[in-house]
Amino acid sequence: NQFTLQLSSVTPEDTAVYYCARTIVSGILPVGHDYWGQGTQVTVS
């Protein structure tokens, strides 16, 4: 019951707090999120 993000060729501009969330979709477009993780800091350096 896990899903994973891989982001390749990272630069310092990819430094961010990263969140996972459950998403509401209309058609194929995300329109909102109702449950969120707490977030995790990722630093590219």
ModelCIF file with pLDDT and N, C-alpha, C, O atoms, coordinates in Angstrom:
data_MODEL
#
_entry.id   MODEL 
#
_entity.id                         1 
_entity.type                       polymer 
_entity.pdbx_number_of_molecules   1 
#
_entity_poly.entity_id                      1 
_entity_poly.type                           'polypeptide(L)' 
_entity_poly.nstd_linkage                   no 
_entity_poly.nstd_monomer                   no 
_entity_poly.pdbx_seq_one_letter_code       NQFTLQLSSVTPEDTAVYYCARTIVSGILPVGHDYWGQGTQVTVS 
_entity_poly.pdbx_seq_one_letter_code_can   NQFTLQLSSVTPEDTAVYYCARTIVSGILPVGHDYWGQGTQVTVS 
_entity_poly.pdbx_strand_id                 A 
#
loop_
_entity_poly_seq.entity_id 
_entity_poly_seq.num 
_entity_poly_seq.mon_id 
_entity_poly_seq.hetero 
1 1  ASN n 
1 2  GLN n 
1 3  PHE n 
1 4  THR n 
1 5  LEU n 
1 6  GLN n 
1 7  LEU n 
1 8  SER n 
1 9  SER n 
1 10 VAL n 
1 11 THR n 
1 12 PRO n 
1 13 GLU n 
1 14 ASP n 
1 15 THR n 
1 16 ALA n 
1 17 VAL n 
1 18 TYR n 
1 19 TYR n 
1 20 CYS n 
1 21 ALA n 
1 22 ARG n 
1 23 THR n 
1 24 ILE n 
1 25 VAL n 
1 26 SER n 
1 27 GLY n 
1 28 ILE n 
1 29 LEU n 
1 30 PRO n 
1 31 VAL n 
1 32 GLY n 
1 33 HIS n 
1 34 ASP n 
1 35 TYR n 
1 36 TRP n 
1 37 GLY n 
1 38 GLN n 
1 39 GLY n 
1 40 THR n 
1 41 GLN n 
1 42 VAL n 
1 43 THR n 
1 44 VAL n 
1 45 SER n 
#
_struct_asym.id          A 
_struct_asym.entity_id   1 
#
loop_
_ma_qa_metric.id 
_ma_qa_metric.mode 
_ma_qa_metric.name 
_ma_qa_metric.software_group_id 
_ma_qa_metric.type 
1 global pLDDT . pLDDT 
2 local  pLDDT . pLDDT 
#
_ma_qa_metric_global.metric_id      1 
_ma_qa_metric_global.metric_value   97.53 
_ma_qa_metric_global.model_id       1 
_ma_qa_metric_global.ordinal_id     1 
#
loop_
_ma_qa_metric_local.label_asym_id 
_ma_qa_metric_local.label_comp_id 
_ma_qa_metric_local.label_seq_id 
_ma_qa_metric_local.metric_id 
_ma_qa_metric_local.metric_value 
_ma_qa_metric_local.model_id 
_ma_qa_metric_local.ordinal_id 
A ASN 1  2 98.00 1 1  
A GLN 2  2 98.00 1 2  
A PHE 3  2 98.00 1 3  
A THR 4  2 98.00 1 4  
A LEU 5  2 98.00 1 5  
A GLN 6  2 98.00 1 6  
A LEU 7  2 98.00 1 7  
A SER 8  2 98.00 1 8  
A SER 9  2 97.00 1 9  
A VAL 10 2 98.00 1 10 
A THR 11 2 97.00 1 11 
A PRO 12 2 97.00 1 12 
A GLU 13 2 97.00 1 13 
A ASP 14 2 98.00 1 14 
A THR 15 2 98.00 1 15 
A ALA 16 2 98.00 1 16 
A VAL 17 2 98.00 1 17 
A TYR 18 2 98.00 1 18 
A TYR 19 2 98.00 1 19 
A CYS 20 2 98.00 1 20 
A ALA 21 2 98.00 1 21 
A ARG 22 2 98.00 1 22 
A THR 23 2 98.00 1 23 
A ILE 24 2 97.00 1 24 
A VAL 25 2 97.00 1 25 
A SER 26 2 96.00 1 26 
A GLY 27 2 95.00 1 27 
A ILE 28 2 95.00 1 28 
A LEU 29 2 96.00 1 29 
A PRO 30 2 97.00 1 30 
A VAL 31 2 97.00 1 31 
A GLY 32 2 97.00 1 32 
A HIS 33 2 98.00 1 33 
A ASP 34 2 98.00 1 34 
A TYR 35 2 98.00 1 35 
A TRP 36 2 98.00 1 36 
A GLY 37 2 98.00 1 37 
A GLN 38 2 98.00 1 38 
A GLY 39 2 98.00 1 39 
A THR 40 2 98.00 1 40 
A GLN 41 2 98.00 1 41 
A VAL 42 2 98.00 1 42 
A THR 43 2 98.00 1 43 
A VAL 44 2 98.00 1 44 
A SER 45 2 96.00 1 45 
#
loop_
_atom_site.group_PDB 
_atom_site.id 
_atom_site.type_symbol 
_atom_site.label_atom_id 
_atom_site.label_alt_id 
_atom_site.label_comp_id 
_atom_site.label_asym_id 
_atom_site.label_entity_id 
_atom_site.label_seq_id 
_atom_site.pdbx_PDB_ins_code 
_atom_site.Cartn_x 
_atom_site.Cartn_y 
_atom_site.Cartn_z 
_atom_site.occupancy 
_atom_site.B_iso_or_equiv 
_atom_site.pdbx_formal_charge 
_atom_site.auth_seq_id 
_atom_site.auth_comp_id 
_atom_site.auth_asym_id 
_atom_site.auth_atom_id 
_atom_site.pdbx_PDB_model_num 
ATOM 1   N N  . ASN A 1 1  ? 0.829   -1.203 0.000   1.00 98.00 ? 1  ASN A N  1 
ATOM 2   C CA . ASN A 1 1  ? 0.000   0.000  0.000   1.00 98.00 ? 1  ASN A CA 1 
ATOM 3   C C  . ASN A 1 1  ? 0.868   1.259  0.000   1.00 98.00 ? 1  ASN A C  1 
ATOM 4   O O  . ASN A 1 1  ? 0.652   2.186  0.780   1.00 98.00 ? 1  ASN A O  1 
ATOM 5   N N  . GLN A 1 2  ? 1.854   1.264  -0.896  1.00 98.00 ? 2  GLN A N  1 
ATOM 6   C CA . GLN A 1 2  ? 2.803   2.359  -1.007  1.00 98.00 ? 2  GLN A CA 1 
ATOM 7   C C  . GLN A 1 2  ? 2.885   2.840  -2.437  1.00 98.00 ? 2  GLN A C  1 
ATOM 8   O O  . GLN A 1 2  ? 2.688   2.070  -3.377  1.00 98.00 ? 2  GLN A O  1 
ATOM 9   N N  . PHE A 1 3  ? 3.176   4.121  -2.595  1.00 98.00 ? 3  PHE A N  1 
ATOM 10  C CA . PHE A 1 3  ? 3.551   4.631  -3.902  1.00 98.00 ? 3  PHE A CA 1 
ATOM 11  C C  . PHE A 1 3  ? 4.798   5.495  -3.765  1.00 98.00 ? 3  PHE A C  1 
ATOM 12  O O  . PHE A 1 3  ? 5.079   6.046  -2.700  1.00 98.00 ? 3  PHE A O  1 
ATOM 13  N N  . THR A 1 4  ? 5.540   5.602  -4.870  1.00 98.00 ? 4  THR A N  1 
ATOM 14  C CA . THR A 1 4  ? 6.899   6.110  -4.834  1.00 98.00 ? 4  THR A CA 1 
ATOM 15  C C  . THR A 1 4  ? 7.093   7.194  -5.892  1.00 98.00 ? 4  THR A C  1 
ATOM 16  O O  . THR A 1 4  ? 6.546   7.110  -6.992  1.00 98.00 ? 4  THR A O  1 
ATOM 17  N N  . LEU A 1 5  ? 7.877   8.207  -5.543  1.00 98.00 ? 5  LEU A N  1 
ATOM 18  C CA . LEU A 1 5  ? 8.306   9.233  -6.485  1.00 98.00 ? 5  LEU A CA 1 
ATOM 19  C C  . LEU A 1 5  ? 9.785   9.061  -6.780  1.00 98.00 ? 5  LEU A C  1 
ATOM 20  O O  . LEU A 1 5  ? 10.594  8.899  -5.867  1.00 98.00 ? 5  LEU A O  1 
ATOM 21  N N  . GLN A 1 6  ? 10.134  9.097  -8.057  1.00 98.00 ? 6  GLN A N  1 
ATOM 22  C CA . GLN A 1 6  ? 11.515  9.213  -8.483  1.00 98.00 ? 6  GLN A CA 1 
ATOM 23  C C  . GLN A 1 6  ? 11.621  10.442 -9.366  1.00 98.00 ? 6  GLN A C  1 
ATOM 24  O O  . GLN A 1 6  ? 10.906  10.569 -10.359 1.00 98.00 ? 6  GLN A O  1 
ATOM 25  N N  . LEU A 1 7  ? 12.515  11.343 -9.001  1.00 98.00 ? 7  LEU A N  1 
ATOM 26  C CA . LEU A 1 7  ? 12.754  12.563 -9.755  1.00 98.00 ? 7  LEU A CA 1 
ATOM 27  C C  . LEU A 1 7  ? 14.220  12.566 -10.138 1.00 98.00 ? 7  LEU A C  1 
ATOM 28  O O  . LEU A 1 7  ? 15.093  12.670 -9.277  1.00 98.00 ? 7  LEU A O  1 
ATOM 29  N N  . SER A 1 8  ? 14.487  12.454 -11.415 1.00 98.00 ? 8  SER A N  1 
ATOM 30  C CA . SER A 1 8  ? 15.851  12.282 -11.897 1.00 98.00 ? 8  SER A CA 1 
ATOM 31  C C  . SER A 1 8  ? 16.525  13.616 -12.169 1.00 98.00 ? 8  SER A C  1 
ATOM 32  O O  . SER A 1 8  ? 15.874  14.657 -12.245 1.00 98.00 ? 8  SER A O  1 
ATOM 33  N N  . SER A 1 9  ? 17.847  13.564 -12.315 1.00 97.00 ? 9  SER A N  1 
ATOM 34  C CA . SER A 1 9  ? 18.660  14.713 -12.720 1.00 97.00 ? 9  SER A CA 1 
ATOM 35  C C  . SER A 1 9  ? 18.366  15.950 -11.885 1.00 97.00 ? 9  SER A C  1 
ATOM 36  O O  . SER A 1 9  ? 18.128  17.029 -12.429 1.00 97.00 ? 9  SER A O  1 
ATOM 37  N N  . VAL A 1 10 ? 18.382  15.801 -10.588 1.00 98.00 ? 10 VAL A N  1 
ATOM 38  C CA . VAL A 1 10 ? 17.972  16.896 -9.717  1.00 98.00 ? 10 VAL A CA 1 
ATOM 39  C C  . VAL A 1 10 ? 19.026  17.997 -9.671  1.00 98.00 ? 10 VAL A C  1 
ATOM 40  O O  . VAL A 1 10 ? 20.217  17.754 -9.866  1.00 98.00 ? 10 VAL A O  1 
ATOM 41  N N  . THR A 1 11 ? 18.559  19.200 -9.410  1.00 97.00 ? 11 THR A N  1 
ATOM 42  C CA . THR A 1 11 ? 19.384  20.379 -9.201  1.00 97.00 ? 11 THR A CA 1 
ATOM 43  C C  . THR A 1 11 ? 18.972  21.024 -7.887  1.00 97.00 ? 11 THR A C  1 
ATOM 44  O O  . THR A 1 11 ? 17.969  20.620 -7.299  1.00 97.00 ? 11 THR A O  1 
ATOM 45  N N  . PRO A 1 12 ? 19.725  22.028 -7.404  1.00 97.00 ? 12 PRO A N  1 
ATOM 46  C CA . PRO A 1 12 ? 19.301  22.710 -6.182  1.00 97.00 ? 12 PRO A CA 1 
ATOM 47  C C  . PRO A 1 12 ? 17.905  23.309 -6.252  1.00 97.00 ? 12 PRO A C  1 
ATOM 48  O O  . PRO A 1 12 ? 17.282  23.521 -5.212  1.00 97.00 ? 12 PRO A O  1 
ATOM 49  N N  . GLU A 1 13 ? 17.395  23.589 -7.450  1.00 97.00 ? 13 GLU A N  1 
ATOM 50  C CA . GLU A 1 13 ? 16.037  24.112 -7.568  1.00 97.00 ? 13 GLU A CA 1 
ATOM 51  C C  . GLU A 1 13 ? 14.975  23.083 -7.220  1.00 97.00 ? 13 GLU A C  1 
ATOM 52  O O  . GLU A 1 13 ? 13.807  23.437 -7.062  1.00 97.00 ? 13 GLU A O  1 
ATOM 53  N N  . ASP A 1 14 ? 15.354  21.824 -7.097  1.00 98.00 ? 14 ASP A N  1 
ATOM 54  C CA . ASP A 1 14 ? 14.425  20.783 -6.653  1.00 98.00 ? 14 ASP A CA 1 
ATOM 55  C C  . ASP A 1 14 ? 14.340  20.688 -5.136  1.00 98.00 ? 14 ASP A C  1 
ATOM 56  O O  . ASP A 1 14 ? 13.549  19.901 -4.617  1.00 98.00 ? 14 ASP A O  1 
ATOM 57  N N  . THR A 1 15 ? 15.132  21.467 -4.417  1.00 98.00 ? 15 THR A N  1 
ATOM 58  C CA . THR A 1 15 ? 15.028  21.507 -2.963  1.00 98.00 ? 15 THR A CA 1 
ATOM 59  C C  . THR A 1 15 ? 13.635  21.976 -2.565  1.00 98.00 ? 15 THR A C  1 
ATOM 60  O O  . THR A 1 15 ? 13.167  23.014 -3.035  1.00 98.00 ? 15 THR A O  1 
ATOM 61  N N  . ALA A 1 16 ? 12.971  21.212 -1.699  1.00 98.00 ? 16 ALA A N  1 
ATOM 62  C CA . ALA A 1 16 ? 11.594  21.529 -1.333  1.00 98.00 ? 16 ALA A CA 1 
ATOM 63  C C  . ALA A 1 16 ? 11.148  20.610 -0.210  1.00 98.00 ? 16 ALA A C  1 
ATOM 64  O O  . ALA A 1 16 ? 11.810  19.624 0.112   1.00 98.00 ? 16 ALA A O  1 
ATOM 65  N N  . VAL A 1 17 ? 10.008  20.957 0.381   1.00 98.00 ? 17 VAL A N  1 
ATOM 66  C CA . VAL A 1 17 ? 9.261   20.010 1.190   1.00 98.00 ? 17 VAL A CA 1 
ATOM 67  C C  . VAL A 1 17 ? 8.365   19.222 0.245   1.00 98.00 ? 17 VAL A C  1 
ATOM 68  O O  . VAL A 1 17 ? 7.608   19.807 -0.529  1.00 98.00 ? 17 VAL A O  1 
ATOM 69  N N  . TYR A 1 18 ? 8.448   17.915 0.304   1.00 98.00 ? 18 TYR A N  1 
ATOM 70  C CA . TYR A 1 18 ? 7.681   17.035 -0.573  1.00 98.00 ? 18 TYR A CA 1 
ATOM 71  C C  . TYR A 1 18 ? 6.553   16.384 0.213   1.00 98.00 ? 18 TYR A C  1 
ATOM 72  O O  . TYR A 1 18 ? 6.760   15.851 1.303   1.00 98.00 ? 18 TYR A O  1 
ATOM 73  N N  . TYR A 1 19 ? 5.358   16.437 -0.359  1.00 98.00 ? 19 TYR A N  1 
ATOM 74  C CA . TYR A 1 19 ? 4.164   15.872 0.244   1.00 98.00 ? 19 TYR A CA 1 
ATOM 75  C C  . TYR A 1 19 ? 3.565   14.793 -0.646  1.00 98.00 ? 19 TYR A C  1 
ATOM 76  O O  . TYR A 1 19 ? 3.644   14.881 -1.872  1.00 98.00 ? 19 TYR A O  1 
ATOM 77  N N  . CYS A 1 20 ? 2.974   13.787 -0.040  1.00 98.00 ? 20 CYS A N  1 
ATOM 78  C CA . CYS A 1 20 ? 2.065   12.918 -0.755  1.00 98.00 ? 20 CYS A CA 1 
ATOM 79  C C  . CYS A 1 20 ? 0.648   13.195 -0.287  1.00 98.00 ? 20 CYS A C  1 
ATOM 80  O O  . CYS A 1 20 ? 0.441   13.657 0.836   1.00 98.00 ? 20 CYS A O  1 
ATOM 81  N N  . ALA A 1 21 ? -0.334  12.916 -1.143  1.00 98.00 ? 21 ALA A N  1 
ATOM 82  C CA . ALA A 1 21 ? -1.713  13.262 -0.852  1.00 98.00 ? 21 ALA A CA 1 
ATOM 83  C C  . ALA A 1 21 ? -2.665  12.386 -1.643  1.00 98.00 ? 21 ALA A C  1 
ATOM 84  O O  . ALA A 1 21 ? -2.312  11.863 -2.700  1.00 98.00 ? 21 ALA A O  1 
ATOM 85  N N  . ARG A 1 22 ? -3.879  12.229 -1.121  1.00 98.00 ? 22 ARG A N  1 
ATOM 86  C CA . ARG A 1 22 ? -4.957  11.625 -1.882  1.00 98.00 ? 22 ARG A CA 1 
ATOM 87  C C  . ARG A 1 22 ? -5.638  12.724 -2.679  1.00 98.00 ? 22 ARG A C  1 
ATOM 88  O O  . ARG A 1 22 ? -5.889  13.810 -2.155  1.00 98.00 ? 22 ARG A O  1 
ATOM 89  N N  . THR A 1 23 ? -5.939  12.448 -3.946  1.00 98.00 ? 23 THR A N  1 
ATOM 90  C CA . THR A 1 23 ? -6.293  13.477 -4.892  1.00 98.00 ? 23 THR A CA 1 
ATOM 91  C C  . THR A 1 23 ? -7.673  13.252 -5.483  1.00 98.00 ? 23 THR A C  1 
ATOM 92  O O  . THR A 1 23 ? -8.067  12.124 -5.780  1.00 98.00 ? 23 THR A O  1 
ATOM 93  N N  . ILE A 1 24 ? -8.400  14.354 -5.647  1.00 97.00 ? 24 ILE A N  1 
ATOM 94  C CA . ILE A 1 24 ? -9.665  14.345 -6.374  1.00 97.00 ? 24 ILE A CA 1 
ATOM 95  C C  . ILE A 1 24 ? -9.371  14.729 -7.817  1.00 97.00 ? 24 ILE A C  1 
ATOM 96  O O  . ILE A 1 24 ? -8.707  15.734 -8.075  1.00 97.00 ? 24 ILE A O  1 
ATOM 97  N N  . VAL A 1 25 ? -9.862  13.934 -8.749  1.00 97.00 ? 25 VAL A N  1 
ATOM 98  C CA . VAL A 1 25 ? -9.576  14.119 -10.165 1.00 97.00 ? 25 VAL A CA 1 
ATOM 99  C C  . VAL A 1 25 ? -10.875 14.357 -10.919 1.00 97.00 ? 25 VAL A C  1 
ATOM 100 O O  . VAL A 1 25 ? -11.874 13.676 -10.690 1.00 97.00 ? 25 VAL A O  1 
ATOM 101 N N  . SER A 1 26 ? -10.848 15.323 -11.812 1.00 96.00 ? 26 SER A N  1 
ATOM 102 C CA . SER A 1 26 ? -11.942 15.584 -12.735 1.00 96.00 ? 26 SER A CA 1 
ATOM 103 C C  . SER A 1 26 ? -11.434 15.312 -14.142 1.00 96.00 ? 26 SER A C  1 
ATOM 104 O O  . SER A 1 26 ? -10.559 16.018 -14.644 1.00 96.00 ? 26 SER A O  1 
ATOM 105 N N  . GLY A 1 27 ? -11.988 14.285 -14.774 1.00 95.00 ? 27 GLY A N  1 
ATOM 106 C CA . GLY A 1 27 ? -11.425 13.839 -16.035 1.00 95.00 ? 27 GLY A CA 1 
ATOM 107 C C  . GLY A 1 27 ? -10.061 13.233 -15.777 1.00 95.00 ? 27 GLY A C  1 
ATOM 108 O O  . GLY A 1 27 ? -9.958  12.178 -15.151 1.00 95.00 ? 27 GLY A O  1 
ATOM 109 N N  . ILE A 1 28 ? -9.004  13.893 -16.257 1.00 95.00 ? 28 ILE A N  1 
ATOM 110 C CA . ILE A 1 28 ? -7.643  13.493 -15.929 1.00 95.00 ? 28 ILE A CA 1 
ATOM 111 C C  . ILE A 1 28 ? -6.919  14.541 -15.101 1.00 95.00 ? 28 ILE A C  1 
ATOM 112 O O  . ILE A 1 28 ? -5.755  14.348 -14.751 1.00 95.00 ? 28 ILE A O  1 
ATOM 113 N N  . LEU A 1 29 ? -7.581  15.644 -14.782 1.00 96.00 ? 29 LEU A N  1 
ATOM 114 C CA . LEU A 1 29 ? -6.916  16.754 -14.118 1.00 96.00 ? 29 LEU A CA 1 
ATOM 115 C C  . LEU A 1 29 ? -7.116  16.703 -12.616 1.00 96.00 ? 29 LEU A C  1 
ATOM 116 O O  . LEU A 1 29 ? -8.231  16.456 -12.155 1.00 96.00 ? 29 LEU A O  1 
ATOM 117 N N  . PRO A 1 30 ? -6.050  16.936 -11.828 1.00 97.00 ? 30 PRO A N  1 
ATOM 118 C CA . PRO A 1 30 ? -6.218  17.043 -10.382 1.00 97.00 ? 30 PRO A CA 1 
ATOM 119 C C  . PRO A 1 30 ? -6.890  18.356 -10.026 1.00 97.00 ? 30 PRO A C  1 
ATOM 120 O O  . PRO A 1 30 ? -6.513  19.414 -10.531 1.00 97.00 ? 30 PRO A O  1 
ATOM 121 N N  . VAL A 1 31 ? -7.882  18.284 -9.160  1.00 97.00 ? 31 VAL A N  1 
ATOM 122 C CA . VAL A 1 31 ? -8.605  19.490 -8.769  1.00 97.00 ? 31 VAL A CA 1 
ATOM 123 C C  . VAL A 1 31 ? -8.521  19.775 -7.279  1.00 97.00 ? 31 VAL A C  1 
ATOM 124 O O  . VAL A 1 31 ? -8.942  20.844 -6.837  1.00 97.00 ? 31 VAL A O  1 
ATOM 125 N N  . GLY A 1 32 ? -7.990  18.852 -6.498  1.00 97.00 ? 32 GLY A N  1 
ATOM 126 C CA . GLY A 1 32 ? -7.839  19.072 -5.079  1.00 97.00 ? 32 GLY A CA 1 
ATOM 127 C C  . GLY A 1 32 ? -7.320  17.839 -4.389  1.00 97.00 ? 32 GLY A C  1 
ATOM 128 O O  . GLY A 1 32 ? -7.193  16.775 -4.994  1.00 97.00 ? 32 GLY A O  1 
ATOM 129 N N  . HIS A 1 33 ? -7.017  17.995 -3.099  1.00 98.00 ? 33 HIS A N  1 
ATOM 130 C CA . HIS A 1 33 ? -6.485  16.902 -2.293  1.00 98.00 ? 33 HIS A CA 1 
ATOM 131 C C  . HIS A 1 33 ? -7.168  16.932 -0.934  1.00 98.00 ? 33 HIS A C  1 
ATOM 132 O O  . HIS A 1 33 ? -7.295  17.992 -0.321  1.00 98.00 ? 33 HIS A O  1 
ATOM 133 N N  . ASP A 1 34 ? -7.603  15.778 -0.469  1.00 98.00 ? 34 ASP A N  1 
ATOM 134 C CA . ASP A 1 34 ? -8.341  15.751 0.790   1.00 98.00 ? 34 ASP A CA 1 
ATOM 135 C C  . ASP A 1 34 ? -7.557  15.198 1.972   1.00 98.00 ? 34 ASP A C  1 
ATOM 136 O O  . ASP A 1 34 ? -7.880  15.517 3.116   1.00 98.00 ? 34 ASP A O  1 
ATOM 137 N N  . TYR A 1 35 ? -6.560  14.397 1.736   1.00 98.00 ? 35 TYR A N  1 
ATOM 138 C CA . TYR A 1 35 ? -5.687  13.911 2.795   1.00 98.00 ? 35 TYR A CA 1 
ATOM 139 C C  . TYR A 1 35 ? -4.247  14.123 2.378   1.00 98.00 ? 35 TYR A C  1 
ATOM 140 O O  . TYR A 1 35 ? -3.878  13.878 1.229   1.00 98.00 ? 35 TYR A O  1 
ATOM 141 N N  . TRP A 1 36 ? -3.432  14.582 3.327   1.00 98.00 ? 36 TRP A N  1 
ATOM 142 C CA . TRP A 1 36 ? -2.031  14.908 3.088   1.00 98.00 ? 36 TRP A CA 1 
ATOM 143 C C  . TRP A 1 36 ? -1.139  14.216 4.095   1.00 98.00 ? 36 TRP A C  1 
ATOM 144 O O  . TRP A 1 36 ? -1.537  13.988 5.237   1.00 98.00 ? 36 TRP A O  1 
ATOM 145 N N  . GLY A 1 37 ? 0.079   13.879 3.668   1.00 98.00 ? 37 GLY A N  1 
ATOM 146 C CA . GLY A 1 37 ? 1.112   13.543 4.616   1.00 98.00 ? 37 GLY A CA 1 
ATOM 147 C C  . GLY A 1 37 ? 1.660   14.797 5.274   1.00 98.00 ? 37 GLY A C  1 
ATOM 148 O O  . GLY A 1 37 ? 1.297   15.913 4.900   1.00 98.00 ? 37 GLY A O  1 
ATOM 149 N N  . GLN A 1 38 ? 2.525   14.614 6.243   1.00 98.00 ? 38 GLN A N  1 
ATOM 150 C CA . GLN A 1 38 ? 3.077   15.757 6.963   1.00 98.00 ? 38 GLN A CA 1 
ATOM 151 C C  . GLN A 1 38 ? 4.161   16.483 6.178   1.00 98.00 ? 38 GLN A C  1 
ATOM 152 O O  . GLN A 1 38 ? 4.514   17.611 6.523   1.00 98.00 ? 38 GLN A O  1 
ATOM 153 N N  . GLY A 1 39 ? 4.688   15.873 5.147   1.00 98.00 ? 39 GLY A N  1 
ATOM 154 C CA . GLY A 1 39 ? 5.740   16.453 4.338   1.00 98.00 ? 39 GLY A CA 1 
ATOM 155 C C  . GLY A 1 39 ? 7.116   16.047 4.826   1.00 98.00 ? 39 GLY A C  1 
ATOM 156 O O  . GLY A 1 39 ? 7.317   15.781 6.011   1.00 98.00 ? 39 GLY A O  1 
ATOM 157 N N  . THR A 1 40 ? 8.055   16.004 3.903   1.00 98.00 ? 40 THR A N  1 
ATOM 158 C CA . THR A 1 40 ? 9.437   15.701 4.239   1.00 98.00 ? 40 THR A CA 1 
ATOM 159 C C  . THR A 1 40 ? 10.365  16.633 3.470   1.00 98.00 ? 40 THR A C  1 
ATOM 160 O O  . THR A 1 40 ? 10.200  16.836 2.267   1.00 98.00 ? 40 THR A O  1 
ATOM 161 N N  . GLN A 1 41 ? 11.332  17.192 4.167   1.00 98.00 ? 41 GLN A N  1 
ATOM 162 C CA . GLN A 1 41 ? 12.294  18.102 3.559   1.00 98.00 ? 41 GLN A CA 1 
ATOM 163 C C  . GLN A 1 41 ? 13.313  17.323 2.751   1.00 98.00 ? 41 GLN A C  1 
ATOM 164 O O  . GLN A 1 41 ? 13.899  16.360 3.246   1.00 98.00 ? 41 GLN A O  1 
ATOM 165 N N  . VAL A 1 42 ? 13.526  17.735 1.508   1.00 98.00 ? 42 VAL A N  1 
ATOM 166 C CA . VAL A 1 42 ? 14.576  17.179 0.672   1.00 98.00 ? 42 VAL A CA 1 
ATOM 167 C C  . VAL A 1 42 ? 15.454  18.327 0.187   1.00 98.00 ? 42 VAL A C  1 
ATOM 168 O O  . VAL A 1 42 ? 14.964  19.290 -0.402  1.00 98.00 ? 42 VAL A O  1 
ATOM 169 N N  . THR A 1 43 ? 16.737  18.216 0.436   1.00 98.00 ? 43 THR A N  1 
ATOM 170 C CA . THR A 1 43 ? 17.705  19.220 0.017   1.00 98.00 ? 43 THR A CA 1 
ATOM 171 C C  . THR A 1 43 ? 18.609  18.627 -1.051  1.00 98.00 ? 43 THR A C  1 
ATOM 172 O O  . THR A 1 43 ? 19.148  17.532 -0.883  1.00 98.00 ? 43 THR A O  1 
ATOM 173 N N  . VAL A 1 44 ? 18.772  19.354 -2.148  1.00 98.00 ? 44 VAL A N  1 
ATOM 174 C CA . VAL A 1 44 ? 19.692  18.959 -3.212  1.00 98.00 ? 44 VAL A CA 1 
ATOM 175 C C  . VAL A 1 44 ? 20.922  19.840 -3.084  1.00 98.00 ? 44 VAL A C  1 
ATOM 176 O O  . VAL A 1 44 ? 20.848  21.053 -3.283  1.00 98.00 ? 44 VAL A O  1 
ATOM 177 N N  . SER A 1 45 ? 22.042  19.236 -2.755  1.00 96.00 ? 45 SER A N  1 
ATOM 178 C CA . SER A 1 45 ? 23.265  19.991 -2.521  1.00 96.00 ? 45 SER A CA 1 
ATOM 179 C C  . SER A 1 45 ? 24.464  19.078 -2.654  1.00 96.00 ? 45 SER A C  1 
ATOM 180 O O  . SER A 1 45 ? 25.600  19.524 -2.492  1.00 96.00 ? 45 SER A O  1 
#
